[in-house]
PDB file of N, CA and C in Angstrom:
ATOM      1  N   UNK A   1       0.829  -1.180   0.000  1.00  0.00           N
ATOM      2  CA  UNK A   1       0.000   0.000   0.000  1.00  0.00           C
ATOM      3  C   UNK A   1       0.878   1.250   0.000  1.00  0.00           C
ATOM      4  N   UNK A   2       0.512   2.203  -0.798  1.00  0.00           N
ATOM      5  CA  UNK A   2       1.222   3.476  -0.845  1.00  0.00           C
ATOM      6  C   UNK A   2       0.703   4.365   0.288  1.00  0.00           C
ATOM      7  N   UNK A   3       1.511   4.502   1.309  1.00  0.00           N
ATOM      8  CA  UNK A   3       1.095   5.246   2.494  1.00  0.00           C
ATOM      9  C   UNK A   3       0.756   6.696   2.184  1.00  0.00           C
ATOM     10  N   UNK A   4       1.525   7.322   1.303  1.00  0.00           N
ATOM     11  CA  UNK A   4       1.243   8.716   0.959  1.00  0.00           C
ATOM     12  C   UNK A   4      -0.159   8.867   0.371  1.00  0.00           C
ATOM     13  N   UNK A   5      -0.551   7.922  -0.459  1.00  0.00           N
ATOM     14  CA  UNK A   5      -1.886   7.955  -1.054  1.00  0.00           C
ATOM     15  C   UNK A   5      -2.962   7.736   0.016  1.00  0.00           C
ATOM     16  N   UNK A   6      -2.719   6.820   0.934  1.00  0.00           N
ATOM     17  CA  UNK A   6      -3.679   6.578   2.010  1.00  0.00           C
ATOM     18  C   UNK A   6      -3.846   7.823   2.884  1.00  0.00           C
ATOM     19  N   UNK A   7      -2.736   8.486   3.170  1.00  0.00           N
ATOM     20  CA  UNK A   7      -2.780   9.706   3.977  1.00  0.00           C
ATOM     21  C   UNK A   7      -3.579  10.780   3.247  1.00  0.00           C
ATOM     22  N   UNK A   8      -3.333  10.932   1.950  1.00  0.00           N
ATOM     23  CA  UNK A   8      -4.076  11.928   1.163  1.00  0.00           C
ATOM     24  C   UNK A   8      -5.572  11.635   1.179  1.00  0.00           C
ATOM     25  N   UNK A   9      -5.920  10.376   0.963  1.00  0.00           N
ATOM     26  CA  UNK A   9      -7.339  10.001   0.951  1.00  0.00           C
ATOM     27  C   UNK A   9      -7.975  10.231   2.323  1.00  0.00           C
ATOM     28  N   UNK A  10      -7.281   9.845   3.381  1.00  0.00           N
ATOM     29  CA  UNK A  10      -7.811  10.036   4.735  1.00  0.00           C
ATOM     30  C   UNK A  10      -7.998  11.523   5.034  1.00  0.00           C
ATOM     31  N   UNK A  11      -7.060  12.347   4.600  1.00  0.00           N
ATOM     32  CA  UNK A  11      -7.175  13.787   4.828  1.00  0.00           C
ATOM     33  C   UNK A  11      -8.361  14.385   4.066  1.00  0.00           C
ATOM     34  N   UNK A  12      -8.631  13.884   2.877  1.00  0.00           N
ATOM     35  CA  UNK A  12      -9.808  14.355   2.123  1.00  0.00           C
ATOM     36  C   UNK A  12     -11.094  14.024   2.866  1.00  0.00           C
ATOM     37  N   UNK A  13     -11.148  12.824   3.406  1.00  0.00           N
ATOM     38  CA  UNK A  13     -12.314  12.417   4.197  1.00  0.00           C
ATOM     39  C   UNK A  13     -12.435  13.339   5.411  1.00  0.00           C
ATOM     40  N   UNK A  14     -11.316  13.593   6.047  1.00  0.00           N
ATOM     41  CA  UNK A  14     -11.299  14.470   7.213  1.00  0.00           C
ATOM     42  C   UNK A  14     -11.771  15.874   6.891  1.00  0.00           C
ATOM     43  N   UNK A  15     -11.380  16.392   5.737  1.00  0.00           N
ATOM     44  CA  UNK A  15     -11.800  17.736   5.332  1.00  0.00           C
ATOM     45  C   UNK A  15     -13.311  17.811   5.172  1.00  0.00           C
ATOM     46  N   UNK A  16     -13.894  16.755   4.626  1.00  0.00           N
ATOM     47  CA  UNK A  16     -15.342  16.726   4.465  1.00  0.00           C
ATOM     48  C   UNK A  16     -16.038  16.764   5.827  1.00  0.00           C
ATOM     49  N   UNK A  17     -15.609  15.902   6.725  1.00  0.00           N
ATOM     50  CA  UNK A  17     -16.274  15.801   8.026  1.00  0.00           C
ATOM     51  C   UNK A  17     -15.927  16.958   8.958  1.00  0.00           C
ATOM     52  N   UNK A  18     -14.813  17.627   8.731  1.00  0.00           N
ATOM     53  CA  UNK A  18     -14.408  18.749   9.591  1.00  0.00           C
ATOM     54  C   UNK A  18     -15.421  19.893   9.566  1.00  0.00           C
ATOM     55  N   UNK A  19     -16.220  19.964   8.519  1.00  0.00           N
ATOM     56  CA  UNK A  19     -17.224  21.025   8.405  1.00  0.00           C
ATOM     57  C   UNK A  19     -18.435  20.797   9.317  1.00  0.00           C
ATOM     58  N   UNK A  20     -18.534  19.622   9.887  1.00  0.00           N
ATOM     59  CA  UNK A  20     -19.671  19.325  10.755  1.00  0.00           C
ATOM     60  C   UNK A  20     -19.561  20.120  12.050  1.00  0.00           C
ATOM     61  N   UNK A  21     -20.676  20.651  12.542  1.00  0.00           N
ATOM     62  CA  UNK A  21     -20.624  21.447  13.777  1.00  0.00           C
ATOM     63  C   UNK A  21     -20.341  20.611  15.034  1.00  0.00           C
ATOM     64  N   UNK A  22     -20.714  19.345  15.019  1.00  0.00           N
ATOM     65  CA  UNK A  22     -20.513  18.470  16.178  1.00  0.00           C
ATOM     66  C   UNK A  22     -19.208  17.696  15.988  1.00  0.00           C
ATOM     67  N   UNK A  23     -18.188  18.064  16.762  1.00  0.00           N
ATOM     68  CA  UNK A  23     -16.856  17.450  16.599  1.00  0.00           C
ATOM     69  C   UNK A  23     -16.885  15.949  16.835  1.00  0.00           C
ATOM     70  N   UNK A  24     -17.591  15.497  17.857  1.00  0.00           N
ATOM     71  CA  UNK A  24     -17.657  14.063  18.157  1.00  0.00           C
ATOM     72  C   UNK A  24     -18.281  13.306  16.987  1.00  0.00           C
ATOM     73  N   UNK A  25     -19.307  13.875  16.402  1.00  0.00           N
ATOM     74  CA  UNK A  25     -19.964  13.252  15.248  1.00  0.00           C
ATOM     75  C   UNK A  25     -19.009  13.225  14.052  1.00  0.00           C
ATOM     76  N   UNK A  26     -18.240  14.278  13.876  1.00  0.00           N
ATOM     77  CA  UNK A  26     -17.271  14.331  12.778  1.00  0.00           C
ATOM     78  C   UNK A  26     -16.199  13.267  12.950  1.00  0.00           C
ATOM     79  N   UNK A  27     -15.686  13.118  14.153  1.00  0.00           N
ATOM     80  CA  UNK A  27     -14.648  12.118  14.416  1.00  0.00           C
ATOM     81  C   UNK A  27     -15.169  10.709  14.155  1.00  0.00           C
ATOM     82  N   UNK A  28     -16.374  10.448  14.603  1.00  0.00           N
ATOM     83  CA  UNK A  28     -16.963   9.136  14.364  1.00  0.00           C
ATOM     84  C   UNK A  28     -17.232   8.938  12.875  1.00  0.00           C
ATOM     85  N   UNK A  29     -17.670   9.974  12.194  1.00  0.00           N
ATOM     86  CA  UNK A  29     -17.930   9.882  10.759  1.00  0.00           C
ATOM     87  C   UNK A  29     -16.689   9.540   9.962  1.00  0.00           C
ATOM     88  N   UNK A  30     -15.577  10.125  10.322  1.00  0.00           N
ATOM     89  CA  UNK A  30     -14.317   9.822   9.647  1.00  0.00           C
ATOM     90  C   UNK A  30     -13.981   8.343   9.812  1.00  0.00           C
ATOM     91  N   UNK A  31     -14.023   7.885  11.048  1.00  0.00           N
ATOM     92  CA  UNK A  31     -13.684   6.488  11.323  1.00  0.00           C
ATOM     93  C   UNK A  31     -14.664   5.524  10.659  1.00  0.00           C
ATOM     94  N   UNK A  32     -15.943   5.836  10.707  1.00  0.00           N
ATOM     95  CA  UNK A  32     -16.947   4.968  10.077  1.00  0.00           C
ATOM     96  C   UNK A  32     -16.764   4.907   8.564  1.00  0.00           C
ATOM     97  N   UNK A  33     -16.475   6.036   7.961  1.00  0.00           N
ATOM     98  CA  UNK A  33     -16.275   6.051   6.512  1.00  0.00           C
ATOM     99  C   UNK A  33     -15.096   5.155   6.128  1.00  0.00           C
ATOM    100  N   UNK A  34     -14.004   5.302   6.841  1.00  0.00           N
ATOM    101  CA  UNK A  34     -12.825   4.488   6.537  1.00  0.00           C
ATOM    102  C   UNK A  34     -13.115   3.014   6.815  1.00  0.00           C
ATOM    103  N   UNK A  35     -13.819   2.714   7.880  1.00  0.00           N
ATOM    104  CA  UNK A  35     -14.150   1.325   8.216  1.00  0.00           C
ATOM    105  C   UNK A  35     -15.059   0.699   7.157  1.00  0.00           C
ATOM    106  N   UNK A  36     -16.012   1.460   6.660  1.00  0.00           N
ATOM    107  CA  UNK A  36     -16.989   0.922   5.704  1.00  0.00           C
ATOM    108  C   UNK A  36     -16.446   0.796   4.283  1.00  0.00           C
ATOM    109  N   UNK A  37     -15.642   1.753   3.869  1.00  0.00           N
ATOM    110  CA  UNK A  37     -15.287   1.831   2.457  1.00  0.00           C
ATOM    111  C   UNK A  37     -13.843   1.473   2.131  1.00  0.00           C
ATOM    112  N   UNK A  38     -13.019   1.322   3.130  1.00  0.00           N
ATOM    113  CA  UNK A  38     -11.635   0.935   2.877  1.00  0.00           C
ATOM    114  C   UNK A  38     -11.455  -0.547   3.148  1.00  0.00           C
ATOM    115  N   UNK A  39     -10.667  -1.175   2.321  1.00  0.00           N
ATOM    116  CA  UNK A  39     -10.309  -2.576   2.496  1.00  0.00           C
ATOM    117  C   UNK A  39      -9.490  -2.731   3.785  1.00  0.00           C
ATOM    118  N   UNK A  40      -9.579  -3.898   4.378  1.00  0.00           N
ATOM    119  CA  UNK A  40      -8.881  -4.175   5.643  1.00  0.00           C
ATOM    120  C   UNK A  40      -7.384  -3.874   5.541  1.00  0.00           C
ATOM    121  N   UNK A  41      -6.764  -4.227   4.429  1.00  0.00           N
ATOM    122  CA  UNK A  41      -5.319  -3.974   4.256  1.00  0.00           C
ATOM    123  C   UNK A  41      -5.011  -2.484   4.251  1.00  0.00           C
ATOM    124  N   UNK A  42      -5.897  -1.699   3.678  1.00  0.00           N
ATOM    125  CA  UNK A  42      -5.705  -0.242   3.655  1.00  0.00           C
ATOM    126  C   UNK A  42      -5.781   0.329   5.070  1.00  0.00           C
ATOM    127  N   UNK A  43      -6.778  -0.126   5.818  1.00  0.00           N
ATOM    128  CA  UNK A  43      -6.919   0.336   7.197  1.00  0.00           C
ATOM    129  C   UNK A  43      -5.715  -0.069   8.032  1.00  0.00           C
ATOM    130  N   UNK A  44      -5.262  -1.303   7.858  1.00  0.00           N
ATOM    131  CA  UNK A  44      -4.105  -1.794   8.612  1.00  0.00           C
ATOM    132  C   UNK A  44      -2.848  -0.994   8.272  1.00  0.00           C
ATOM    133  N   UNK A  45      -2.668  -0.664   7.007  1.00  0.00           N
ATOM    134  CA  UNK A  45      -1.495   0.117   6.593  1.00  0.00           C
ATOM    135  C   UNK A  45      -1.539   1.521   7.194  1.00  0.00           C
ATOM    136  N   UNK A  46      -2.712   2.123   7.237  1.00  0.00           N
ATOM    137  CA  UNK A  46      -2.833   3.459   7.818  1.00  0.00           C
ATOM    138  C   UNK A  46      -2.564   3.423   9.325  1.00  0.00           C
ATOM    139  N   UNK A  47      -3.084   2.421  10.002  1.00  0.00           N
ATOM    140  CA  UNK A  47      -2.830   2.293  11.436  1.00  0.00           C
ATOM    141  C   UNK A  47      -1.356   2.009  11.710  1.00  0.00           C
ATOM    142  N   UNK A  48      -0.719   1.206  10.864  1.00  0.00           N
ATOM    143  CA  UNK A  48       0.715   0.937  11.018  1.00  0.00           C
ATOM    144  C   UNK A  48       1.517   2.219  10.825  1.00  0.00           C
ATOM    145  N   UNK A  49       1.087   3.061   9.905  1.00  0.00           N
ATOM    146  CA  UNK A  49       1.738   4.351   9.686  1.00  0.00           C
ATOM    147  C   UNK A  49       1.649   5.206  10.946  1.00  0.00           C
ATOM    148  N   UNK A  50       0.500   5.204  11.564  1.00  0.00           N
ATOM    149  CA  UNK A  50       0.323   5.963  12.808  1.00  0.00           C
ATOM    150  C   UNK A  50       1.239   5.404  13.889  1.00  0.00           C
ATOM    151  N   UNK A  51       1.277   4.079  13.994  1.00  0.00           N
ATOM    152  CA  UNK A  51       2.091   3.441  15.026  1.00  0.00           C
ATOM    153  C   UNK A  51       3.584   3.693  14.810  1.00  0.00           C
ATOM    154  N   UNK A  52       4.009   3.720  13.567  1.00  0.00           N
ATOM    155  CA  UNK A  52       5.433   3.876  13.262  1.00  0.00           C
ATOM    156  C   UNK A  52       5.912   5.314  13.341  1.00  0.00           C
ATOM    157  N   UNK A  53       5.072   6.239  12.894  1.00  0.00           N
ATOM    158  CA  UNK A  53       5.547   7.621  12.820  1.00  0.00           C
ATOM    159  C   UNK A  53       4.640   8.631  13.469  1.00  0.00           C
ATOM    160  N   UNK A  54       3.734   8.162  14.275  1.00  0.00           N
ATOM    161  CA  UNK A  54       2.816   9.055  14.984  1.00  0.00           C
ATOM    162  C   UNK A  54       1.934   9.866  14.032  1.00  0.00           C
ATOM    163  N   UNK A  55       1.640   9.314  12.861  1.00  0.00           N
ATOM    164  CA  UNK A  55       0.674   9.951  11.970  1.00  0.00           C
ATOM    165  C   UNK A  55       1.206  11.054  11.106  1.00  0.00           C
ATOM    166  N   UNK A  56       2.456  10.996  10.767  1.00  0.00           N
ATOM    167  CA  UNK A  56       3.055  12.038   9.930  1.00  0.00           C
ATOM    168  C   UNK A  56       2.237  12.260   8.662  1.00  0.00           C
ATOM    169  N   UNK A  57       1.901  13.518   8.407  1.00  0.00           N
ATOM    170  CA  UNK A  57       1.153  13.885   7.213  1.00  0.00           C
ATOM    171  C   UNK A  57      -0.349  13.914   7.390  1.00  0.00           C
ATOM    172  N   UNK A  58      -0.839  13.283   8.433  1.00  0.00           N
ATOM    173  CA  UNK A  58      -2.287  13.263   8.651  1.00  0.00           C
ATOM    174  C   UNK A  58      -2.742  14.552   9.319  1.00  0.00           C
ATOM    175  N   UNK A  59      -3.889  15.056   8.865  1.00  0.00           N
ATOM    176  CA  UNK A  59      -4.491  16.222   9.507  1.00  0.00           C
ATOM    177  C   UNK A  59      -4.862  15.851  10.944  1.00  0.00           C
ATOM    178  N   UNK A  60      -4.856  16.828  11.808  1.00  0.00           N
ATOM    179  CA  UNK A  60      -5.107  16.597  13.234  1.00  0.00           C
ATOM    180  C   UNK A  60      -6.452  15.917  13.486  1.00  0.00           C
ATOM    181  N   UNK A  61      -7.486  16.321  12.752  1.00  0.00           N
ATOM    182  CA  UNK A  61      -8.810  15.735  12.972  1.00  0.00           C
ATOM    183  C   UNK A  61      -8.834  14.257  12.575  1.00  0.00           C
ATOM    184  N   UNK A  62      -8.114  13.918  11.521  1.00  0.00           N
ATOM    185  CA  UNK A  62      -8.058  12.519  11.074  1.00  0.00           C
ATOM    186  C   UNK A  62      -7.295  11.682  12.095  1.00  0.00           C
ATOM    187  N   UNK A  63      -6.181  12.187  12.533  1.00  0.00           N
ATOM    188  CA  UNK A  63      -5.371  11.475  13.518  1.00  0.00           C
ATOM    189  C   UNK A  63      -6.161  11.247  14.800  1.00  0.00           C
ATOM    190  N   UNK A  64      -6.869  12.271  15.239  1.00  0.00           N
ATOM    191  CA  UNK A  64      -7.694  12.139  16.445  1.00  0.00           C
ATOM    192  C   UNK A  64      -8.792  11.097  16.248  1.00  0.00           C
ATOM    193  N   UNK A  65      -9.442  11.128  15.094  1.00  0.00           N
ATOM    194  CA  UNK A  65     -10.515  10.174  14.809  1.00  0.00           C
ATOM    195  C   UNK A  65      -9.996   8.739  14.798  1.00  0.00           C
ATOM    196  N   UNK A  66      -8.854   8.530  14.172  1.00  0.00           N
ATOM    197  CA  UNK A  66      -8.309   7.180  14.065  1.00  0.00           C
ATOM    198  C   UNK A  66      -7.833   6.663  15.411  1.00  0.00           C
ATOM    199  N   UNK A  67      -7.269   7.524  16.213  1.00  0.00           N
ATOM    200  CA  UNK A  67      -6.836   7.105  17.551  1.00  0.00           C
ATOM    201  C   UNK A  67      -8.030   6.833  18.460  1.00  0.00           C
ATOM    202  N   UNK A  68      -9.021   7.689  18.382  1.00  0.00           N
ATOM    203  CA  UNK A  68     -10.199   7.558  19.238  1.00  0.00           C
ATOM    204  C   UNK A  68     -11.040   6.333  18.880  1.00  0.00           C
ATOM    205  N   UNK A  69     -11.133   6.034  17.602  1.00  0.00           N
ATOM    206  CA  UNK A  69     -12.007   4.947  17.136  1.00  0.00           C
ATOM    207  C   UNK A  69     -11.205   3.791  16.531  1.00  0.00           C
ATOM    208  N   UNK A  70     -10.016   3.582  17.046  1.00  0.00           N
ATOM    209  CA  UNK A  70      -9.127   2.542  16.511  1.00  0.00           C
ATOM    210  C   UNK A  70      -9.786   1.153  16.483  1.00  0.00           C
ATOM    211  N   UNK A  71     -10.509   0.797  17.534  1.00  0.00           N
ATOM    212  CA  UNK A  71     -11.134  -0.525  17.599  1.00  0.00           C
ATOM    213  C   UNK A  71     -12.134  -0.719  16.465  1.00  0.00           C
ATOM    214  N   UNK A  72     -12.833   0.320  16.091  1.00  0.00           N
ATOM    215  CA  UNK A  72     -13.798   0.261  15.005  1.00  0.00           C
ATOM    216  C   UNK A  72     -13.116  -0.099  13.688  1.00  0.00           C
ATOM    217  N   UNK A  73     -11.915   0.385  13.500  1.00  0.00           N
ATOM    218  CA  UNK A  73     -11.198   0.167  12.236  1.00  0.00           C
ATOM    219  C   UNK A  73     -10.714  -1.270  12.069  1.00  0.00           C
ATOM    220  N   UNK A  74     -10.705  -2.041  13.133  1.00  0.00           N
ATOM    221  CA  UNK A  74     -10.283  -3.439  13.047  1.00  0.00           C
ATOM    222  C   UNK A  74     -11.438  -4.360  12.676  1.00  0.00           C
ATOM    223  N   UNK A  75     -12.665  -3.851  12.729  1.00  0.00           N
ATOM    224  CA  UNK A  75     -13.825  -4.679  12.398  1.00  0.00           C
ATOM    225  C   UNK A  75     -13.913  -4.884  10.893  1.00  0.00           C
ATOM    226  N   UNK A  76     -14.438  -6.018  10.517  1.00  0.00           N
ATOM    227  CA  UNK A  76     -14.584  -6.345   9.093  1.00  0.00           C
ATOM    228  C   UNK A  76     -15.685  -5.538   8.461  1.00  0.00           C
TER     229      UNK A  76
END
């Protein structure tokens, strides 16, 4: 998996949800979108990127969403 591409895609998702007035809802929306529409390998690669480099390149809202809802991202 190309990590740079995954980071770009995750940041685009984050930009969409960042416009929501309810931050908690936005964070959950980011995680749910990635869980529903990304293949398991893509999610695993993004989480490994976070674990290895503390989320370099990810927007703050995306990083927060992925850390907060990490368990959700492991579900099939």
